[in-house]
Amino acid sequence: MHGCQNAPLKIYRNDQVDNQDTLLIIGDSYFDNYLYDDLAESFHKTVMVWGNYIQNLPELLDTYHPDIVIYEMAKRAETTWAAKKCAESIQKLSDLLG
C-alpha cells in the first residue's frame, strides 16, 4: 500500500465465527480502546488502521477486500481537509459500487 505502508495496523482473525466477513476500521484511540474488541469477535477478520487514513480508502479496499468499512475519528482530529477527503473517498466508493 503505497500511501499506508507505515500506518499502524491491528489485525485480528477469528476462526470461531460462522462467517467469512472482513471488517475494516479506520479510526483513532477511542475506537481502539472501547469498541475494537467487541466488534472483532463478530467477524472472521478485523483490520484496524489507526489514524486518519481515509484518503487511502481505495488502497485499503484493494488490499483487504472488506465486507464492511467503519470510519471513526474524534471531532478534535477532524480538519476541513480530512472531511473533504472522506467525502471524496465515499463518493468514489459509491461510484464503484454503482
N, C-alpha and C. Protein backbone atom coordinates (compact mmCIF):
# COMPACT_ATOMS: atom_id res chain seq x y z
N MET A 1 0.84 -1.17 0.00
CA MET A 1 0.00 0.00 0.00
C MET A 1 0.89 1.23 0.00
N HIS A 2 0.96 1.88 -1.09
CA HIS A 2 1.88 3.00 -1.24
C HIS A 2 1.70 4.06 -0.16
N GLY A 3 0.48 4.55 0.05
CA GLY A 3 0.26 5.63 0.99
C GLY A 3 0.08 5.19 2.42
N CYS A 4 -0.04 3.89 2.66
CA CYS A 4 -0.34 3.40 4.01
C CYS A 4 0.71 2.44 4.55
N GLN A 5 1.82 2.29 3.88
CA GLN A 5 2.76 1.26 4.30
C GLN A 5 3.28 1.45 5.72
N ASN A 6 3.25 2.67 6.23
CA ASN A 6 3.71 2.90 7.60
C ASN A 6 2.57 3.09 8.58
N ALA A 7 1.36 2.84 8.14
CA ALA A 7 0.19 3.02 9.01
C ALA A 7 0.19 1.94 10.09
N PRO A 8 -0.13 2.34 11.31
CA PRO A 8 -0.23 1.35 12.38
C PRO A 8 -1.44 0.45 12.13
N LEU A 9 -1.22 -0.85 12.02
CA LEU A 9 -2.27 -1.81 11.74
C LEU A 9 -2.47 -2.75 12.92
N LYS A 10 -3.71 -3.15 13.07
CA LYS A 10 -4.06 -4.16 14.07
C LYS A 10 -4.97 -5.14 13.34
N ILE A 11 -4.56 -6.39 13.25
CA ILE A 11 -5.34 -7.39 12.53
C ILE A 11 -5.69 -8.53 13.47
N TYR A 12 -6.96 -8.86 13.49
CA TYR A 12 -7.46 -9.93 14.35
C TYR A 12 -8.21 -10.92 13.48
N ARG A 13 -7.92 -12.19 13.66
CA ARG A 13 -8.59 -13.25 12.91
C ARG A 13 -9.32 -14.14 13.90
N ASN A 14 -10.59 -14.42 13.60
CA ASN A 14 -11.41 -15.25 14.47
C ASN A 14 -11.98 -16.41 13.65
N ASP A 15 -11.43 -17.58 13.84
CA ASP A 15 -11.88 -18.76 13.11
C ASP A 15 -13.08 -19.43 13.78
N GLN A 16 -13.54 -18.89 14.89
CA GLN A 16 -14.66 -19.49 15.63
C GLN A 16 -16.02 -18.95 15.18
N VAL A 17 -16.06 -17.89 14.38
CA VAL A 17 -17.33 -17.34 13.92
C VAL A 17 -17.82 -18.10 12.70
N ASP A 18 -19.11 -18.02 12.45
CA ASP A 18 -19.69 -18.76 11.33
C ASP A 18 -19.85 -17.88 10.09
N ASN A 19 -18.88 -17.00 9.85
CA ASN A 19 -18.89 -16.17 8.64
C ASN A 19 -17.46 -15.98 8.16
N GLN A 20 -17.34 -15.45 6.97
CA GLN A 20 -16.03 -15.16 6.38
C GLN A 20 -15.87 -13.66 6.16
N ASP A 21 -16.64 -12.87 6.90
CA ASP A 21 -16.67 -11.42 6.70
C ASP A 21 -15.40 -10.74 7.22
N THR A 22 -15.01 -9.71 6.49
CA THR A 22 -13.87 -8.88 6.88
C THR A 22 -14.38 -7.48 7.19
N LEU A 23 -13.98 -6.98 8.34
CA LEU A 23 -14.31 -5.63 8.79
C LEU A 23 -13.05 -4.79 8.71
N LEU A 24 -13.15 -3.64 8.06
CA LEU A 24 -12.05 -2.67 8.01
C LEU A 24 -12.47 -1.46 8.82
N ILE A 25 -11.63 -1.09 9.77
CA ILE A 25 -11.87 0.08 10.61
C ILE A 25 -10.75 1.08 10.38
N ILE A 26 -11.12 2.30 10.11
CA ILE A 26 -10.15 3.41 10.08
C ILE A 26 -10.57 4.28 11.25
N GLY A 27 -9.76 4.32 12.29
CA GLY A 27 -10.20 5.02 13.49
C GLY A 27 -9.06 5.47 14.37
N ASP A 28 -9.44 5.99 15.51
CA ASP A 28 -8.47 6.53 16.45
C ASP A 28 -8.51 5.76 17.76
N SER A 29 -7.91 6.32 18.78
CA SER A 29 -7.78 5.62 20.06
C SER A 29 -9.13 5.31 20.70
N TYR A 30 -10.13 6.14 20.46
CA TYR A 30 -11.45 5.85 21.05
C TYR A 30 -11.96 4.50 20.55
N PHE A 31 -11.91 4.30 19.25
CA PHE A 31 -12.38 3.03 18.70
C PHE A 31 -11.50 1.88 19.18
N ASP A 32 -10.21 2.10 19.15
CA ASP A 32 -9.26 1.06 19.55
C ASP A 32 -9.46 0.66 21.01
N ASN A 33 -9.66 1.63 21.89
CA ASN A 33 -9.77 1.35 23.32
C ASN A 33 -11.13 0.84 23.76
N TYR A 34 -12.20 1.25 23.08
CA TYR A 34 -13.53 0.96 23.59
C TYR A 34 -14.40 0.06 22.72
N LEU A 35 -14.12 -0.02 21.43
CA LEU A 35 -15.04 -0.75 20.55
C LEU A 35 -14.41 -1.89 19.77
N TYR A 36 -13.13 -1.83 19.53
CA TYR A 36 -12.45 -2.80 18.66
C TYR A 36 -12.70 -4.25 19.09
N ASP A 37 -12.42 -4.57 20.33
CA ASP A 37 -12.53 -5.96 20.79
C ASP A 37 -13.94 -6.51 20.66
N ASP A 38 -14.93 -5.70 20.99
CA ASP A 38 -16.32 -6.16 20.89
C ASP A 38 -16.73 -6.45 19.45
N LEU A 39 -16.28 -5.63 18.53
CA LEU A 39 -16.61 -5.88 17.12
C LEU A 39 -15.77 -7.01 16.53
N ALA A 40 -14.51 -7.06 16.88
CA ALA A 40 -13.61 -8.05 16.29
C ALA A 40 -14.06 -9.48 16.56
N GLU A 41 -14.72 -9.71 17.67
CA GLU A 41 -15.15 -11.08 17.98
C GLU A 41 -16.29 -11.55 17.08
N SER A 42 -16.88 -10.64 16.31
CA SER A 42 -18.02 -11.00 15.46
C SER A 42 -17.67 -11.22 14.00
N PHE A 43 -16.42 -11.00 13.63
CA PHE A 43 -16.01 -11.11 12.23
C PHE A 43 -14.86 -12.09 12.08
N HIS A 44 -14.79 -12.70 10.91
CA HIS A 44 -13.69 -13.63 10.63
C HIS A 44 -12.34 -12.90 10.64
N LYS A 45 -12.34 -11.70 10.07
CA LYS A 45 -11.11 -10.92 10.05
C LYS A 45 -11.46 -9.46 10.30
N THR A 46 -10.72 -8.83 11.20
CA THR A 46 -10.90 -7.42 11.50
C THR A 46 -9.56 -6.72 11.32
N VAL A 47 -9.56 -5.68 10.52
CA VAL A 47 -8.35 -4.89 10.27
C VAL A 47 -8.62 -3.48 10.75
N MET A 48 -7.78 -2.99 11.64
CA MET A 48 -7.90 -1.61 12.08
C MET A 48 -6.67 -0.84 11.67
N VAL A 49 -6.91 0.26 10.96
CA VAL A 49 -5.86 1.19 10.60
C VAL A 49 -6.00 2.35 11.57
N TRP A 50 -5.00 2.52 12.40
CA TRP A 50 -5.06 3.52 13.47
C TRP A 50 -4.55 4.84 12.93
N GLY A 51 -5.45 5.80 12.80
CA GLY A 51 -5.08 7.12 12.31
C GLY A 51 -6.03 7.55 11.20
N ASN A 52 -5.81 8.72 10.69
CA ASN A 52 -6.70 9.29 9.68
C ASN A 52 -6.19 8.94 8.29
N TYR A 53 -6.47 7.73 7.85
CA TYR A 53 -6.02 7.25 6.55
C TYR A 53 -7.18 7.13 5.57
N ILE A 54 -8.24 7.91 5.75
CA ILE A 54 -9.40 7.83 4.87
C ILE A 54 -9.02 8.16 3.43
N GLN A 55 -8.01 8.99 3.23
CA GLN A 55 -7.59 9.32 1.88
C GLN A 55 -7.04 8.09 1.15
N ASN A 56 -6.70 7.05 1.89
CA ASN A 56 -6.18 5.82 1.31
C ASN A 56 -7.24 4.72 1.20
N LEU A 57 -8.50 5.11 1.29
CA LEU A 57 -9.56 4.11 1.27
C LEU A 57 -9.51 3.21 0.03
N PRO A 58 -9.32 3.73 -1.18
CA PRO A 58 -9.25 2.82 -2.34
C PRO A 58 -8.15 1.76 -2.19
N GLU A 59 -6.98 2.16 -1.71
CA GLU A 59 -5.88 1.21 -1.49
C GLU A 59 -6.25 0.16 -0.44
N LEU A 60 -6.86 0.63 0.65
CA LEU A 60 -7.25 -0.28 1.72
C LEU A 60 -8.30 -1.27 1.24
N LEU A 61 -9.23 -0.81 0.42
CA LEU A 61 -10.24 -1.71 -0.13
C LEU A 61 -9.61 -2.76 -1.04
N ASP A 62 -8.65 -2.35 -1.86
CA ASP A 62 -7.96 -3.29 -2.75
C ASP A 62 -7.13 -4.31 -1.98
N THR A 63 -6.55 -3.88 -0.88
CA THR A 63 -5.67 -4.76 -0.10
C THR A 63 -6.44 -5.75 0.76
N TYR A 64 -7.48 -5.30 1.45
CA TYR A 64 -8.15 -6.14 2.44
C TYR A 64 -9.52 -6.66 2.02
N HIS A 65 -10.09 -6.13 0.95
CA HIS A 65 -11.40 -6.58 0.44
C HIS A 65 -12.44 -6.71 1.54
N PRO A 66 -12.68 -5.62 2.28
CA PRO A 66 -13.62 -5.72 3.40
C PRO A 66 -15.07 -5.83 2.94
N ASP A 67 -15.87 -6.47 3.78
CA ASP A 67 -17.31 -6.51 3.56
C ASP A 67 -17.97 -5.28 4.18
N ILE A 68 -17.36 -4.77 5.25
CA ILE A 68 -17.88 -3.61 5.98
C ILE A 68 -16.71 -2.68 6.27
N VAL A 69 -16.96 -1.37 6.13
CA VAL A 69 -15.95 -0.36 6.45
C VAL A 69 -16.54 0.60 7.47
N ILE A 70 -15.79 0.85 8.53
CA ILE A 70 -16.18 1.84 9.54
C ILE A 70 -15.08 2.89 9.60
N TYR A 71 -15.50 4.16 9.51
CA TYR A 71 -14.58 5.27 9.68
C TYR A 71 -15.01 6.04 10.91
N GLU A 72 -14.11 6.18 11.87
CA GLU A 72 -14.41 6.89 13.12
C GLU A 72 -13.20 7.74 13.46
N MET A 73 -13.46 9.02 13.68
CA MET A 73 -12.39 9.92 14.07
C MET A 73 -13.00 10.96 15.01
N ALA A 74 -12.35 11.21 16.11
CA ALA A 74 -12.85 12.18 17.07
C ALA A 74 -12.96 13.56 16.43
N LYS A 75 -13.93 14.29 16.85
CA LYS A 75 -14.16 15.63 16.29
C LYS A 75 -12.91 16.50 16.43
N ARG A 76 -12.19 16.34 17.51
CA ARG A 76 -10.99 17.17 17.71
C ARG A 76 -9.93 16.92 16.65
N ALA A 77 -9.97 15.74 16.00
CA ALA A 77 -8.98 15.41 14.98
C ALA A 77 -9.46 15.78 13.59
N GLU A 78 -10.71 16.17 13.48
CA GLU A 78 -11.28 16.48 12.17
C GLU A 78 -10.72 17.79 11.65
N THR A 79 -10.41 17.79 10.40
CA THR A 79 -9.99 19.02 9.72
C THR A 79 -10.84 19.16 8.47
N THR A 80 -10.88 20.33 7.94
CA THR A 80 -11.63 20.55 6.70
C THR A 80 -11.08 19.65 5.61
N TRP A 81 -9.77 19.54 5.52
CA TRP A 81 -9.14 18.71 4.50
C TRP A 81 -9.55 17.25 4.68
N ALA A 82 -9.53 16.75 5.90
CA ALA A 82 -9.88 15.36 6.16
C ALA A 82 -11.36 15.11 5.84
N ALA A 83 -12.21 16.03 6.20
CA ALA A 83 -13.63 15.87 5.90
C ALA A 83 -13.86 15.85 4.40
N LYS A 84 -13.17 16.70 3.66
CA LYS A 84 -13.30 16.72 2.20
C LYS A 84 -12.80 15.41 1.60
N LYS A 85 -11.66 14.92 2.07
CA LYS A 85 -11.11 13.66 1.56
C LYS A 85 -12.04 12.50 1.87
N CYS A 86 -12.64 12.50 3.05
CA CYS A 86 -13.59 11.46 3.43
C CYS A 86 -14.77 11.47 2.47
N ALA A 87 -15.32 12.64 2.21
CA ALA A 87 -16.46 12.76 1.30
C ALA A 87 -16.08 12.30 -0.11
N GLU A 88 -14.89 12.66 -0.58
CA GLU A 88 -14.43 12.24 -1.90
C GLU A 88 -14.27 10.73 -1.98
N SER A 89 -13.68 10.13 -0.94
CA SER A 89 -13.48 8.68 -0.92
C SER A 89 -14.80 7.93 -0.89
N ILE A 90 -15.74 8.44 -0.12
CA ILE A 90 -17.06 7.80 -0.06
C ILE A 90 -17.75 7.91 -1.41
N GLN A 91 -17.62 9.05 -2.08
CA GLN A 91 -18.22 9.21 -3.40
C GLN A 91 -17.59 8.25 -4.40
N LYS A 92 -16.27 8.10 -4.38
CA LYS A 92 -15.60 7.15 -5.26
C LYS A 92 -16.08 5.74 -5.03
N LEU A 93 -16.21 5.37 -3.76
CA LEU A 93 -16.70 4.04 -3.40
C LEU A 93 -18.12 3.86 -3.90
N SER A 94 -18.94 4.86 -3.73
CA SER A 94 -20.32 4.80 -4.19
C SER A 94 -20.37 4.63 -5.71
N ASP A 95 -19.51 5.36 -6.42
CA ASP A 95 -19.45 5.25 -7.88
C ASP A 95 -19.01 3.85 -8.31
N LEU A 96 -18.05 3.27 -7.59
CA LEU A 96 -17.57 1.93 -7.92
C LEU A 96 -18.66 0.88 -7.71
N LEU A 97 -19.44 1.05 -6.65
CA LEU A 97 -20.48 0.07 -6.34
C LEU A 97 -21.72 0.28 -7.19
N GLY A 98 -21.81 1.44 -7.83
CA GLY A 98 -22.89 1.75 -8.75
C GLY A 98 -24.22 1.82 -8.14
